[in-house]
């Protein structure tokens, strides 16, 4: 074999080795990217659950604040007083005759 043929074969072998290494690096990067995407999706699902819990807590807080405002009204106080049998001083109780 001549030197140029041997040099070409050696050069061709190195090109195949470099191509194989580059291919392995590409496959590794694709794998790691897919893995990172799965982790990101899991974190996004977890974040979504936390956001839903926060929204539910905010809604409950709003409902409780409305209840507190209602219970501070005269209407609620009268209703609660009637529930325990109290009457307004200006009212007259009329009971059926027996």
N, C-alpha and C. Protein backbone atom coordinates (compact mmCIF):
# COMPACT_ATOMS: atom_id res chain seq x y z
N UNK A 1 0.82 -1.17 0.00
CA UNK A 1 0.00 0.00 0.00
C UNK A 1 0.87 1.24 0.00
N UNK A 2 0.42 2.20 -0.70
CA UNK A 2 1.20 3.44 -0.74
C UNK A 2 0.87 4.28 0.47
N UNK A 3 1.73 5.26 0.69
CA UNK A 3 1.53 6.11 1.86
C UNK A 3 0.26 6.93 1.76
N UNK A 4 -0.11 7.36 0.59
CA UNK A 4 -1.32 8.17 0.45
C UNK A 4 -2.57 7.36 0.71
N UNK A 5 -2.60 6.09 0.30
CA UNK A 5 -3.76 5.23 0.55
C UNK A 5 -3.87 4.94 2.04
N UNK A 6 -2.75 4.67 2.68
CA UNK A 6 -2.75 4.41 4.13
C UNK A 6 -3.16 5.67 4.88
N UNK A 7 -2.69 6.83 4.45
CA UNK A 7 -3.03 8.09 5.10
C UNK A 7 -4.52 8.39 4.92
N UNK A 8 -5.05 8.07 3.73
CA UNK A 8 -6.47 8.31 3.49
C UNK A 8 -7.32 7.40 4.37
N UNK A 9 -6.91 6.12 4.52
CA UNK A 9 -7.66 5.19 5.36
C UNK A 9 -7.61 5.63 6.82
N UNK A 10 -6.43 6.10 7.26
CA UNK A 10 -6.27 6.57 8.63
C UNK A 10 -7.12 7.81 8.85
N UNK A 11 -7.12 8.71 7.89
CA UNK A 11 -7.92 9.93 7.97
C UNK A 11 -9.40 9.58 7.98
N UNK A 12 -9.79 8.62 7.15
CA UNK A 12 -11.19 8.20 7.08
C UNK A 12 -11.62 7.56 8.41
N UNK A 13 -10.73 6.78 9.02
CA UNK A 13 -11.03 6.16 10.31
C UNK A 13 -11.25 7.23 11.38
N UNK A 14 -10.40 8.26 11.40
CA UNK A 14 -10.55 9.33 12.37
C UNK A 14 -11.86 10.10 12.14
N UNK A 15 -12.26 10.29 10.92
CA UNK A 15 -13.53 10.96 10.63
C UNK A 15 -14.70 10.14 11.18
N UNK A 16 -14.64 8.81 11.02
CA UNK A 16 -15.70 7.95 11.56
C UNK A 16 -15.73 8.00 13.08
N UNK A 17 -14.56 8.02 13.69
CA UNK A 17 -14.49 8.10 15.16
C UNK A 17 -15.07 9.43 15.63
N UNK A 18 -14.68 10.52 14.99
CA UNK A 18 -15.19 11.85 15.36
C UNK A 18 -16.70 11.90 15.15
N UNK A 19 -17.18 11.35 14.04
CA UNK A 19 -18.62 11.34 13.76
C UNK A 19 -19.36 10.53 14.82
N UNK A 20 -18.79 9.41 15.24
CA UNK A 20 -19.42 8.58 16.27
C UNK A 20 -19.48 9.33 17.60
N UNK A 21 -18.40 10.02 17.95
CA UNK A 21 -18.37 10.78 19.21
C UNK A 21 -19.40 11.90 19.16
N UNK A 22 -19.46 12.62 18.05
CA UNK A 22 -20.43 13.71 17.90
C UNK A 22 -21.85 13.15 17.99
N UNK A 23 -22.11 12.01 17.35
CA UNK A 23 -23.42 11.39 17.41
C UNK A 23 -23.78 11.01 18.84
N UNK A 24 -22.84 10.44 19.59
CA UNK A 24 -23.10 10.07 20.99
C UNK A 24 -23.39 11.31 21.83
N UNK A 25 -22.64 12.39 21.58
CA UNK A 25 -22.90 13.64 22.30
C UNK A 25 -24.30 14.17 21.99
N UNK A 26 -24.69 14.11 20.73
CA UNK A 26 -26.02 14.57 20.33
C UNK A 26 -27.10 13.73 21.01
N UNK A 27 -26.93 12.42 21.02
CA UNK A 27 -27.90 11.54 21.67
C UNK A 27 -27.98 11.83 23.17
N UNK A 28 -26.84 12.06 23.79
CA UNK A 28 -26.81 12.39 25.21
C UNK A 28 -27.56 13.70 25.47
N UNK A 29 -27.33 14.70 24.63
CA UNK A 29 -28.01 15.98 24.81
C UNK A 29 -29.52 15.85 24.60
N UNK A 30 -29.94 15.05 23.64
CA UNK A 30 -31.37 14.83 23.43
C UNK A 30 -31.98 14.16 24.65
N UNK A 31 -31.29 13.16 25.19
CA UNK A 31 -31.77 12.45 26.38
C UNK A 31 -31.90 13.42 27.56
N UNK A 32 -30.87 14.22 27.79
CA UNK A 32 -30.88 15.14 28.93
C UNK A 32 -31.96 16.21 28.76
N UNK A 33 -32.18 16.66 27.52
CA UNK A 33 -33.21 17.65 27.27
C UNK A 33 -34.59 17.06 27.55
N UNK A 34 -34.82 15.82 27.12
CA UNK A 34 -36.10 15.16 27.39
C UNK A 34 -36.31 14.99 28.89
N UNK A 35 -35.26 14.63 29.59
CA UNK A 35 -35.33 14.45 31.04
C UNK A 35 -35.65 15.78 31.72
N UNK A 36 -35.01 16.85 31.28
CA UNK A 36 -35.26 18.17 31.86
C UNK A 36 -36.70 18.62 31.58
N UNK A 37 -37.21 18.31 30.39
CA UNK A 37 -38.59 18.67 30.06
C UNK A 37 -39.58 17.93 30.94
N UNK A 38 -39.33 16.67 31.23
CA UNK A 38 -40.20 15.90 32.12
C UNK A 38 -40.21 16.52 33.52
N UNK A 39 -39.04 16.89 34.01
CA UNK A 39 -38.95 17.51 35.33
C UNK A 39 -39.68 18.85 35.34
N UNK A 40 -39.54 19.61 34.27
CA UNK A 40 -40.21 20.91 34.17
C UNK A 40 -41.72 20.73 34.16
N UNK A 41 -42.22 19.76 33.42
CA UNK A 41 -43.65 19.50 33.40
C UNK A 41 -44.17 19.09 34.77
N UNK A 42 -43.40 18.28 35.49
CA UNK A 42 -43.80 17.87 36.84
C UNK A 42 -43.86 19.08 37.77
N UNK A 43 -42.88 19.95 37.67
CA UNK A 43 -42.87 21.16 38.50
C UNK A 43 -44.04 22.08 38.14
N UNK A 44 -44.36 22.16 36.85
CA UNK A 44 -45.48 22.99 36.43
C UNK A 44 -46.80 22.45 36.96
N UNK A 45 -46.95 21.11 36.96
CA UNK A 45 -48.16 20.51 37.53
C UNK A 45 -48.26 20.81 39.03
N UNK A 46 -47.13 20.70 39.71
CA UNK A 46 -47.09 21.00 41.15
C UNK A 46 -47.43 22.46 41.40
N UNK A 47 -46.88 23.35 40.60
CA UNK A 47 -47.17 24.78 40.74
C UNK A 47 -48.64 25.05 40.49
N UNK A 48 -49.21 24.38 39.51
CA UNK A 48 -50.64 24.55 39.21
C UNK A 48 -51.50 24.12 40.39
N UNK A 49 -51.11 23.04 41.05
CA UNK A 49 -51.85 22.58 42.24
C UNK A 49 -51.76 23.62 43.36
N UNK A 50 -50.58 24.20 43.55
CA UNK A 50 -50.43 25.24 44.58
C UNK A 50 -51.27 26.47 44.25
N UNK A 51 -51.29 26.85 42.98
CA UNK A 51 -52.10 28.01 42.56
C UNK A 51 -53.58 27.73 42.80
N UNK A 52 -54.03 26.52 42.48
CA UNK A 52 -55.43 26.15 42.73
C UNK A 52 -55.75 26.21 44.23
N UNK A 53 -54.83 25.74 45.06
CA UNK A 53 -55.04 25.78 46.51
C UNK A 53 -55.09 27.22 47.01
N UNK A 54 -54.24 28.07 46.48
CA UNK A 54 -54.25 29.49 46.87
C UNK A 54 -55.55 30.14 46.46
N UNK A 55 -56.01 29.86 45.24
CA UNK A 55 -57.28 30.42 44.77
C UNK A 55 -58.45 29.96 45.63
N UNK A 56 -58.44 28.69 46.01
CA UNK A 56 -59.50 28.17 46.87
C UNK A 56 -59.47 28.86 48.24
N UNK A 57 -58.27 29.05 48.77
CA UNK A 57 -58.15 29.74 50.07
C UNK A 57 -58.60 31.19 49.96
N UNK A 58 -58.27 31.85 48.85
CA UNK A 58 -58.71 33.24 48.66
C UNK A 58 -60.24 33.31 48.56
N UNK A 59 -60.85 32.35 47.85
CA UNK A 59 -62.31 32.33 47.76
C UNK A 59 -62.94 32.12 49.13
N UNK A 60 -62.38 31.20 49.91
CA UNK A 60 -62.90 30.95 51.27
C UNK A 60 -62.75 32.20 52.14
N UNK A 61 -61.62 32.88 52.00
CA UNK A 61 -61.40 34.11 52.76
C UNK A 61 -62.44 35.16 52.39
N UNK A 62 -62.72 35.29 51.11
CA UNK A 62 -63.72 36.26 50.64
C UNK A 62 -65.10 35.92 51.21
N UNK A 63 -65.46 34.63 51.19
CA UNK A 63 -66.75 34.21 51.74
C UNK A 63 -66.83 34.53 53.23
N UNK A 64 -65.75 34.27 53.95
CA UNK A 64 -65.74 34.54 55.39
C UNK A 64 -65.82 36.03 55.69
N UNK A 65 -65.15 36.84 54.87
CA UNK A 65 -65.22 38.29 55.06
C UNK A 65 -66.64 38.79 54.83
N UNK A 66 -67.34 38.23 53.83
CA UNK A 66 -68.73 38.60 53.58
C UNK A 66 -69.61 38.20 54.76
N UNK A 67 -69.36 37.01 55.31
CA UNK A 67 -70.12 36.54 56.48
C UNK A 67 -69.89 37.47 57.68
N UNK A 68 -68.65 37.89 57.88
CA UNK A 68 -68.34 38.80 58.99
C UNK A 68 -69.07 40.13 58.80
N UNK A 69 -69.06 40.66 57.56
CA UNK A 69 -69.76 41.93 57.30
C UNK A 69 -71.27 41.77 57.54
N UNK A 70 -71.83 40.63 57.11
CA UNK A 70 -73.26 40.41 57.31
C UNK A 70 -73.60 40.31 58.80
N UNK A 71 -72.77 39.62 59.54
CA UNK A 71 -73.05 39.45 60.97
C UNK A 71 -72.91 40.75 61.75
N UNK A 72 -72.33 41.76 61.16
CA UNK A 72 -72.21 43.06 61.83
C UNK A 72 -73.41 43.95 61.53
N UNK A 73 -74.36 43.48 60.71
CA UNK A 73 -75.52 44.30 60.34
C UNK A 73 -76.63 44.15 61.38
N UNK A 74 -77.49 45.17 61.41
CA UNK A 74 -78.66 45.12 62.30
C UNK A 74 -79.59 43.98 61.91
N UNK A 75 -79.69 43.72 60.61
CA UNK A 75 -80.55 42.65 60.12
C UNK A 75 -80.16 41.31 60.74
N UNK A 76 -78.87 41.01 60.76
CA UNK A 76 -78.42 39.73 61.33
C UNK A 76 -78.65 39.71 62.84
N UNK A 77 -78.38 40.82 63.49
CA UNK A 77 -78.53 40.87 64.95
C UNK A 77 -79.99 40.63 65.33
N UNK A 78 -80.92 41.24 64.59
CA UNK A 78 -82.35 41.01 64.86
C UNK A 78 -82.72 39.56 64.62
N UNK A 79 -82.23 39.01 63.53
CA UNK A 79 -82.52 37.61 63.20
C UNK A 79 -81.99 36.66 64.28
N UNK A 80 -80.77 36.90 64.72
CA UNK A 80 -80.18 36.06 65.76
C UNK A 80 -80.94 36.20 67.08
N UNK A 81 -81.38 37.43 67.40
CA UNK A 81 -82.15 37.65 68.63
C UNK A 81 -83.48 36.92 68.57
N UNK A 82 -84.14 36.97 67.43
CA UNK A 82 -85.43 36.28 67.29
C UNK A 82 -85.23 34.76 67.41
N UNK A 83 -84.12 34.26 66.89
CA UNK A 83 -83.84 32.82 66.97
C UNK A 83 -83.74 32.33 68.41
N UNK A 84 -83.29 33.20 69.31
CA UNK A 84 -83.18 32.78 70.72
C UNK A 84 -84.38 33.27 71.55
N UNK A 85 -85.41 33.81 70.85
CA UNK A 85 -86.65 34.15 71.54
C UNK A 85 -86.76 35.58 72.04
N UNK A 86 -85.85 36.44 71.70
CA UNK A 86 -85.95 37.83 72.12
C UNK A 86 -86.88 38.59 71.18
N UNK A 87 -87.49 39.66 71.72
CA UNK A 87 -88.34 40.50 70.88
C UNK A 87 -87.90 41.94 71.01
N UNK A 88 -88.30 42.72 70.02
CA UNK A 88 -87.99 44.15 70.01
C UNK A 88 -88.87 44.81 71.07
N UNK A 89 -88.36 45.79 71.80
CA UNK A 89 -89.16 46.44 72.85
C UNK A 89 -90.43 47.11 72.30
N UNK A 90 -90.46 47.47 71.07
CA UNK A 90 -91.62 48.15 70.49
C UNK A 90 -92.64 47.15 69.92
N UNK A 91 -92.39 45.86 70.03
CA UNK A 91 -93.30 44.86 69.49
C UNK A 91 -94.24 44.36 70.59
N UNK A 92 -95.41 43.95 70.15
CA UNK A 92 -96.39 43.35 71.06
C UNK A 92 -96.58 41.91 70.64
N UNK A 93 -96.56 41.03 71.60
CA UNK A 93 -96.75 39.62 71.31
C UNK A 93 -98.25 39.32 71.33
N UNK A 94 -98.71 38.76 70.27
CA UNK A 94 -100.10 38.34 70.19
C UNK A 94 -100.11 36.83 70.15
N UNK A 95 -100.77 36.24 71.11
CA UNK A 95 -100.84 34.78 71.14
C UNK A 95 -102.28 34.35 70.89
N UNK A 96 -102.48 33.25 70.29
CA UNK A 96 -103.85 32.78 70.01
C UNK A 96 -104.58 32.43 71.31
N UNK A 97 -105.88 32.67 71.30
CA UNK A 97 -106.67 32.37 72.49
C UNK A 97 -106.83 30.86 72.62
N UNK A 98 -106.84 30.49 73.84
CA UNK A 98 -107.00 29.04 74.10
C UNK A 98 -108.35 28.75 74.65
